[in-house]
Amino acid sequence: MSQPITVVKRNSKGEEVWQYSGSLLRRETNKIVVEARFRQPDLPFKGTVFREGDRFVEIYYTDRWYNIFEIHDREDDQLKGWYCNIARPVVLEADDRLSYIDLALDLWVSPQGVQTILDRDEFAALPLDRQTRARARAAMDELQRQFKINKKPDF
């Protein structure tokens, strides 16, 4: 049985910008897997539509500078793609609450494997130190390689 968990997204300054509830599916040494539902109005995005009620399987890492959301249709559970956030490693603030600091840079991967880097301008505008920028770029490179080789994230 899964337990409720709150996910908190923070901006680069550490300020909370969004929070929502999900279900904790698994907790491992360096990985937390959460299931959540999309709770926004339908949103057209890169040839698909994120619909209210779509199922998100979210993978957060304590030792990697990204997280991965595998998105499934609310009606037939068909895979829509993977939305990857370049972010500082997740922090488990309590047994029922996790947070991550989003660094704006994102990667969208379609079910066919087509990769699109998003929000480069937002990332460039963030007041980040050189080391943080380098880690974020390395995280993007790692994600892109992983999707080229494996075609699917390691859940």
C-alpha atoms as a PDB file:
ATOM      1  CA  MET A   1       0.000   0.000   0.000  1.00  0.00           C
ATOM      2  CA  SER A   2       1.368   3.411  -0.930  1.00  0.00           C
ATOM      3  CA  GLN A   3       1.498   6.298   1.505  1.00  0.00           C
ATOM      4  CA  PRO A   4       0.640   9.957   0.847  1.00  0.00           C
ATOM      5  CA  ILE A   5       3.529  12.327   0.183  1.00  0.00           C
ATOM      6  CA  THR A   6       3.782  16.031  -0.562  1.00  0.00           C
ATOM      7  CA  VAL A   7       6.085  17.175  -3.368  1.00  0.00           C
ATOM      8  CA  VAL A   8       7.478  20.707  -3.130  1.00  0.00           C
ATOM      9  CA  LYS A   9       9.089  22.435  -6.096  1.00  0.00           C
ATOM     10  CA  ARG A  10      11.429  25.304  -5.189  1.00  0.00           C
ATOM     11  CA  ASN A  11      13.027  27.948  -7.396  1.00  0.00           C
ATOM     12  CA  SER A  12      16.785  28.493  -7.620  1.00  0.00           C
ATOM     13  CA  LYS A  13      16.650  30.662  -4.475  1.00  0.00           C
ATOM     14  CA  GLY A  14      15.021  27.832  -2.513  1.00  0.00           C
ATOM     15  CA  GLU A  15      11.607  29.509  -2.361  1.00  0.00           C
ATOM     16  CA  GLU A  16       8.533  27.285  -2.680  1.00  0.00           C
ATOM     17  CA  VAL A  17       6.739  27.840  -6.003  1.00  0.00           C
ATOM     18  CA  TRP A  18       4.483  24.805  -6.191  1.00  0.00           C
ATOM     19  CA  GLN A  19       3.332  21.894  -4.069  1.00  0.00           C
ATOM     20  CA  TYR A  20       1.045  18.935  -4.643  1.00  0.00           C
ATOM     21  CA  SER A  21       0.159  15.555  -3.186  1.00  0.00           C
ATOM     22  CA  GLY A  22       1.032  12.144  -4.508  1.00  0.00           C
ATOM     23  CA  SER A  23       1.588   8.593  -3.349  1.00  0.00           C
ATOM     24  CA  LEU A  24       4.974   7.231  -2.361  1.00  0.00           C
ATOM     25  CA  LEU A  25       5.497   4.054  -4.397  1.00  0.00           C
ATOM     26  CA  ARG A  26       9.089   3.226  -3.411  1.00  0.00           C
ATOM     27  CA  ARG A  27      11.991   4.601  -1.454  1.00  0.00           C
ATOM     28  CA  GLU A  28      15.467   3.252  -2.137  1.00  0.00           C
ATOM     29  CA  THR A  29      18.940   4.331  -1.056  1.00  0.00           C
ATOM     30  CA  ASN A  30      19.225   7.065  -3.693  1.00  0.00           C
ATOM     31  CA  LYS A  31      15.786   7.088  -5.318  1.00  0.00           C
ATOM     32  CA  ILE A  32      12.221   8.036  -4.404  1.00  0.00           C
ATOM     33  CA  VAL A  33       9.371   7.045  -6.750  1.00  0.00           C
ATOM     34  CA  VAL A  34       6.073   8.914  -6.488  1.00  0.00           C
ATOM     35  CA  GLU A  35       2.799   8.623  -8.384  1.00  0.00           C
ATOM     36  CA  ALA A  36       0.728  11.775  -8.817  1.00  0.00           C
ATOM     37  CA  ARG A  37      -2.100  13.046 -10.999  1.00  0.00           C
ATOM     38  CA  PHE A  38      -1.943  16.137 -13.190  1.00  0.00           C
ATOM     39  CA  ARG A  39      -4.236  18.645 -11.470  1.00  0.00           C
ATOM     40  CA  GLN A  40      -4.217  21.495 -13.970  1.00  0.00           C
ATOM     41  CA  PRO A  41      -6.512  22.314 -16.892  1.00  0.00           C
ATOM     42  CA  ASP A  42      -5.630  20.512 -20.122  1.00  0.00           C
ATOM     43  CA  LEU A  43      -2.367  21.840 -21.543  1.00  0.00           C
ATOM     44  CA  PRO A  44      -1.191  21.309 -25.154  1.00  0.00           C
ATOM     45  CA  PHE A  45       2.515  20.455 -25.128  1.00  0.00           C
ATOM     46  CA  LYS A  46       4.923  19.324 -27.870  1.00  0.00           C
ATOM     47  CA  GLY A  47       2.411  17.354 -29.938  1.00  0.00           C
ATOM     48  CA  THR A  48       0.486  15.905 -26.997  1.00  0.00           C
ATOM     49  CA  VAL A  49      -1.900  17.242 -24.370  1.00  0.00           C
ATOM     50  CA  PHE A  50      -1.339  16.939 -20.637  1.00  0.00           C
ATOM     51  CA  ARG A  51      -4.853  16.332 -19.384  1.00  0.00           C
ATOM     52  CA  GLU A  52      -6.251  16.773 -15.923  1.00  0.00           C
ATOM     53  CA  GLY A  53      -5.991  13.361 -14.285  1.00  0.00           C
ATOM     54  CA  ASP A  54      -3.035  12.103 -16.345  1.00  0.00           C
ATOM     55  CA  ARG A  55      -0.827   9.774 -14.296  1.00  0.00           C
ATOM     56  CA  PHE A  56       2.732  10.873 -13.527  1.00  0.00           C
ATOM     57  CA  VAL A  57       5.308   8.392 -12.229  1.00  0.00           C
ATOM     58  CA  GLU A  58       7.990  10.664 -10.805  1.00  0.00           C
ATOM     59  CA  ILE A  59      11.534   9.559 -10.021  1.00  0.00           C
ATOM     60  CA  TYR A  60      13.594  11.712  -7.677  1.00  0.00           C
ATOM     61  CA  TYR A  61      17.255  11.067  -6.916  1.00  0.00           C
ATOM     62  CA  THR A  62      19.288  12.013  -3.856  1.00  0.00           C
ATOM     63  CA  ASP A  63      22.531  11.811  -5.837  1.00  0.00           C
ATOM     64  CA  ARG A  64      21.617  13.095  -9.318  1.00  0.00           C
ATOM     65  CA  TRP A  65      20.919  16.604 -10.562  1.00  0.00           C
ATOM     66  CA  TYR A  66      17.624  15.782 -12.270  1.00  0.00           C
ATOM     67  CA  ASN A  67      14.252  14.148 -11.807  1.00  0.00           C
ATOM     68  CA  ILE A  68      12.136  12.330 -14.378  1.00  0.00           C
ATOM     69  CA  PHE A  69       8.358  12.326 -14.801  1.00  0.00           C
ATOM     70  CA  GLU A  70       6.936   9.491 -16.917  1.00  0.00           C
ATOM     71  CA  ILE A  71       3.534  10.680 -18.117  1.00  0.00           C
ATOM     72  CA  HIS A  72       0.600   8.375 -18.933  1.00  0.00           C
ATOM     73  CA  ASP A  73      -2.834   9.181 -20.356  1.00  0.00           C
ATOM     74  CA  ARG A  74      -5.677   9.259 -17.824  1.00  0.00           C
ATOM     75  CA  GLU A  75      -7.973   7.178 -20.059  1.00  0.00           C
ATOM     76  CA  ASP A  76      -5.871   4.312 -21.448  1.00  0.00           C
ATOM     77  CA  ASP A  77      -2.569   4.739 -19.551  1.00  0.00           C
ATOM     78  CA  GLN A  78      -0.709   5.129 -22.871  1.00  0.00           C
ATOM     79  CA  LEU A  79       2.754   6.648 -22.486  1.00  0.00           C
ATOM     80  CA  LYS A  80       2.861  10.310 -23.520  1.00  0.00           C
ATOM     81  CA  GLY A  81       6.567  10.846 -22.824  1.00  0.00           C
ATOM     82  CA  TRP A  82       9.093  11.862 -20.186  1.00  0.00           C
ATOM     83  CA  TYR A  83       9.489  15.328 -18.727  1.00  0.00           C
ATOM     84  CA  CYS A  84      12.868  15.758 -17.041  1.00  0.00           C
ATOM     85  CA  ASN A  85      13.740  18.628 -14.737  1.00  0.00           C
ATOM     86  CA  ILE A  86      17.328  19.636 -14.224  1.00  0.00           C
ATOM     87  CA  ALA A  87      17.360  20.194 -10.475  1.00  0.00           C
ATOM     88  CA  ARG A  88      19.478  19.835  -7.386  1.00  0.00           C
ATOM     89  CA  PRO A  89      19.232  16.376  -5.773  1.00  0.00           C
ATOM     90  CA  VAL A  90      15.959  15.792  -3.925  1.00  0.00           C
ATOM     91  CA  VAL A  91      15.707  16.356  -0.181  1.00  0.00           C
ATOM     92  CA  LEU A  92      13.438  14.187   1.941  1.00  0.00           C
ATOM     93  CA  GLU A  93      12.259  16.805   4.446  1.00  0.00           C
ATOM     94  CA  ALA A  94      10.070  14.323   6.362  1.00  0.00           C
ATOM     95  CA  ASP A  95       8.709  10.820   5.753  1.00  0.00           C
ATOM     96  CA  ASP A  96       5.778  12.410   3.929  1.00  0.00           C
ATOM     97  CA  ARG A  97       7.420  15.438   2.260  1.00  0.00           C
ATOM     98  CA  LEU A  98      10.141  15.895  -0.352  1.00  0.00           C
ATOM     99  CA  SER A  99      11.441  18.963  -2.116  1.00  0.00           C
ATOM    100  CA  TYR A 100      13.704  19.841  -4.991  1.00  0.00           C
ATOM    101  CA  ILE A 101      15.276  23.018  -6.314  1.00  0.00           C
ATOM    102  CA  ASP A 102      14.427  23.422  -9.972  1.00  0.00           C
ATOM    103  CA  LEU A 103      17.114  24.939 -12.217  1.00  0.00           C
ATOM    104  CA  ALA A 104      14.739  25.827 -15.094  1.00  0.00           C
ATOM    105  CA  LEU A 105      16.477  23.695 -17.742  1.00  0.00           C
ATOM    106  CA  ASP A 106      14.283  20.775 -18.881  1.00  0.00           C
ATOM    107  CA  LEU A 107      14.304  17.874 -21.313  1.00  0.00           C
ATOM    108  CA  TRP A 108      11.206  16.468 -23.032  1.00  0.00           C
ATOM    109  CA  VAL A 109      11.483  12.997 -24.572  1.00  0.00           C
ATOM    110  CA  SER A 110       8.671  11.655 -26.742  1.00  0.00           C
ATOM    111  CA  PRO A 111       7.746   7.947 -26.742  1.00  0.00           C
ATOM    112  CA  GLN A 112       9.584   7.751 -30.100  1.00  0.00           C
ATOM    113  CA  GLY A 113      12.772   9.003 -28.447  1.00  0.00           C
ATOM    114  CA  VAL A 114      12.775  12.538 -29.896  1.00  0.00           C
ATOM    115  CA  GLN A 115      14.526  14.844 -27.411  1.00  0.00           C
ATOM    116  CA  THR A 116      13.778  18.547 -26.972  1.00  0.00           C
ATOM    117  CA  ILE A 117      15.717  20.778 -24.588  1.00  0.00           C
ATOM    118  CA  LEU A 118      13.460  23.399 -23.006  1.00  0.00           C
ATOM    119  CA  ASP A 119      13.950  26.707 -21.187  1.00  0.00           C
ATOM    120  CA  ARG A 120      17.572  27.407 -22.105  1.00  0.00           C
ATOM    121  CA  ASP A 121      16.955  31.153 -21.808  1.00  0.00           C
ATOM    122  CA  GLU A 122      15.455  30.804 -18.326  1.00  0.00           C
ATOM    123  CA  PHE A 123      18.455  28.723 -17.246  1.00  0.00           C
ATOM    124  CA  ALA A 124      20.904  31.245 -18.705  1.00  0.00           C
ATOM    125  CA  ALA A 125      19.169  34.064 -16.791  1.00  0.00           C
ATOM    126  CA  LEU A 126      19.418  32.359 -13.380  1.00  0.00           C
ATOM    127  CA  PRO A 127      22.033  33.796 -10.994  1.00  0.00           C
ATOM    128  CA  LEU A 128      23.960  30.526 -10.572  1.00  0.00           C
ATOM    129  CA  ASP A 129      27.614  29.997  -9.756  1.00  0.00           C
ATOM    130  CA  ARG A 130      29.938  28.332 -12.269  1.00  0.00           C
ATOM    131  CA  GLN A 131      29.957  24.971 -10.453  1.00  0.00           C
ATOM    132  CA  THR A 132      26.133  24.766 -10.350  1.00  0.00           C
ATOM    133  CA  ARG A 133      25.909  25.586 -14.065  1.00  0.00           C
ATOM    134  CA  ALA A 134      28.486  22.905 -14.850  1.00  0.00           C
ATOM    135  CA  ARG A 135      26.618  20.293 -12.793  1.00  0.00           C
ATOM    136  CA  ALA A 136      23.330  21.215 -14.476  1.00  0.00           C
ATOM    137  CA  ARG A 137      24.859  20.880 -17.952  1.00  0.00           C
ATOM    138  CA  ALA A 138      26.465  17.553 -16.992  1.00  0.00           C
ATOM    139  CA  ALA A 139      23.063  16.345 -15.749  1.00  0.00           C
ATOM    140  CA  MET A 140      21.489  17.264 -19.098  1.00  0.00           C
ATOM    141  CA  ASP A 141      24.250  15.390 -20.949  1.00  0.00           C
ATOM    142  CA  GLU A 142      23.715  12.333 -18.738  1.00  0.00           C
ATOM    143  CA  LEU A 143      19.952  12.364 -19.328  1.00  0.00           C
ATOM    144  CA  GLN A 144      20.335  12.710 -23.077  1.00  0.00           C
ATOM    145  CA  ARG A 145      22.829   9.837 -23.165  1.00  0.00           C
ATOM    146  CA  GLN A 146      20.597   7.665 -21.001  1.00  0.00           C
ATOM    147  CA  PHE A 147      17.603   8.159 -23.279  1.00  0.00           C
ATOM    148  CA  LYS A 148      19.699   7.501 -26.408  1.00  0.00           C
ATOM    149  CA  ILE A 149      21.073   4.257 -25.033  1.00  0.00           C
ATOM    150  CA  ASN A 150      18.176   2.888 -22.999  1.00  0.00           C
ATOM    151  CA  LYS A 151      15.173   4.600 -24.598  1.00  0.00           C
ATOM    152  CA  LYS A 152      13.591   4.523 -21.120  1.00  0.00           C
ATOM    153  CA  PRO A 153      14.652   5.674 -17.669  1.00  0.00           C
ATOM    154  CA  ASP A 154      15.725   3.250 -14.987  1.00  0.00           C
ATOM    155  CA  PHE A 155      12.773   2.931 -12.648  1.00  0.00           C
END
